[in-house]
Amino acid sequence: MSTPIGFRVKGLDPRPYRHLYGQPEAMLADQGVHRITATEHGRYPDRASLQDAQPGQALLLLNHCHLERPSPYAATHAIYLREGECEVAQFLNRLPPAWQGRTLAIRAIDARQWIVQARLVEFDDASEAINELLTDPTVTHLHAHYPATGCLAARIERAGDVR
């Protein structure tokens, strides 16, 4: 195996969604957003902190577009965002602990915003797959998804990429 290229797992920036924090239920519903309360640990992965919400924590369930520009692969899907979350998690050369025990779909995205490669991996094999996919110079970044539900888990970049 070649030398690992290094990677950074980045949570979703919550700033575009801060205006939703504290809004009444009816106003959220008008925007297709719902406030829910976590009922058990390990079921509600927050996309900004990349941690599982604890029972009793409020989350916003909303639709998120995972690609930055129009593409045949563009899609929106439901994600959870802990209400009030302000920080963006970053994990350098390691995976978020909340991913432990989860299967991941790792999708390689090119400059056209097309999926050019993909792997379905278990947590223990994910770092190797990530490094392998990032060796392709046409790949600009990766997306990790939870394959059972199709939800975006996080963006993954080369460790040296600044964005």
Foldseek 3Di string as FASTA:
>chain_A
DDDFQKKKWKFDQCVVPLVVFPDDQVVQVVVVKHKDFDQDFLPAQARFQRHTDHGGFIWIWHWDWDDDDDDPPIDIDIHIHGRPDHHMDMDILADPPSLAQAWKKKFFAFPRRDGPDIDTGHRVCVSVVLRVSQVPPRGQWIWIARVVRRHTRTIMGRNPDDD
